[in-house]
Amino acid sequence: MVTVQRAQALADDVLFPDASTVDAEGVVPRRHFDLLAAEGFYGLAAPAEHGGPEITLAERSLIFEAFAGGCFATAFTWAQHQGVVRGLATTDRSELRERHLADAVRGKLRGGVSFAGAIPQPPRLHATPVDGGYRLDGEAPFVTGWGLVDVLRLSARHGEMVVDGLIDAAPATGIRVEPLTLVAAQASSTVRQFFDGYHLPTERVLDEVPLADVLAAQSASARLNGSSLRTAQHALRFSTDS
């Protein structure tokens, strides 16, 4: 059952005992993600009608905090999946939702996100309309979970609109990745992704929304990310002082 208490138990009994090894070796054991999927936590952001738990935003924040306190690399990678779940749950593209949402909620399909290319001014990742979809050019500065996830929810800018698409997290024509060295959570497999004429087909477009709406929606995500980062900072301070 998806509860704060269960999340804390998993963090204490499974994630935390592995955390030092994860940090030292730079690899998150697949069993961490398999366990969170089996326990229902991959569907944390899904509405109840699509199989998600009926919990409050405050409870969701506490779950993020629990996992981050156990193993930050695991939590950071898992957390990105919730953006994929939200995107699939709210898209008007019923074909995409019906094809992928149930698997995403169960953790059978695992995802990451990359919004950072669309948010800056000027944007770093551009979407140009072409026949049958969009051409993507530029870069997505931070993509977490490369090699660990199946799909990415990717955002690019077209004027004052943000184009949201679902792409495979795999090498493809028009895509190149560059591993990043992080101060923490190196095991999260975070990369910089470069696009050169990559074709995003119409049937993989989740949404096209005004930039202003995207910026306004960042508050809830910022709260969850802040909860995780605060817990990770406390854990790091504790390990340094002890």
Foldseek 3Di string as FASTA:
>chain_A
DDFLVVLLVCLVPPQQVCQVVCFVVLADDVVLLVVCLQVQNLQQLADVVLPHDPDDLVRLLSSLLSNLLRHVLSSVLSVQLSVVLVLLRPFPLVVSNVVPNNCSRSSVAGEGEFEQQAQDVVGQWAWDDDPQATWIFGKRAKIWQQVNGFWYFYWHDDPQKIWTFIGGSDDDPQKDWAFDDDPPSSSRRIIMMGGDRDGGGPSGTRDIGGSVVVVVVCPSVVSSVVSSVVSNVVSVVVVVVD
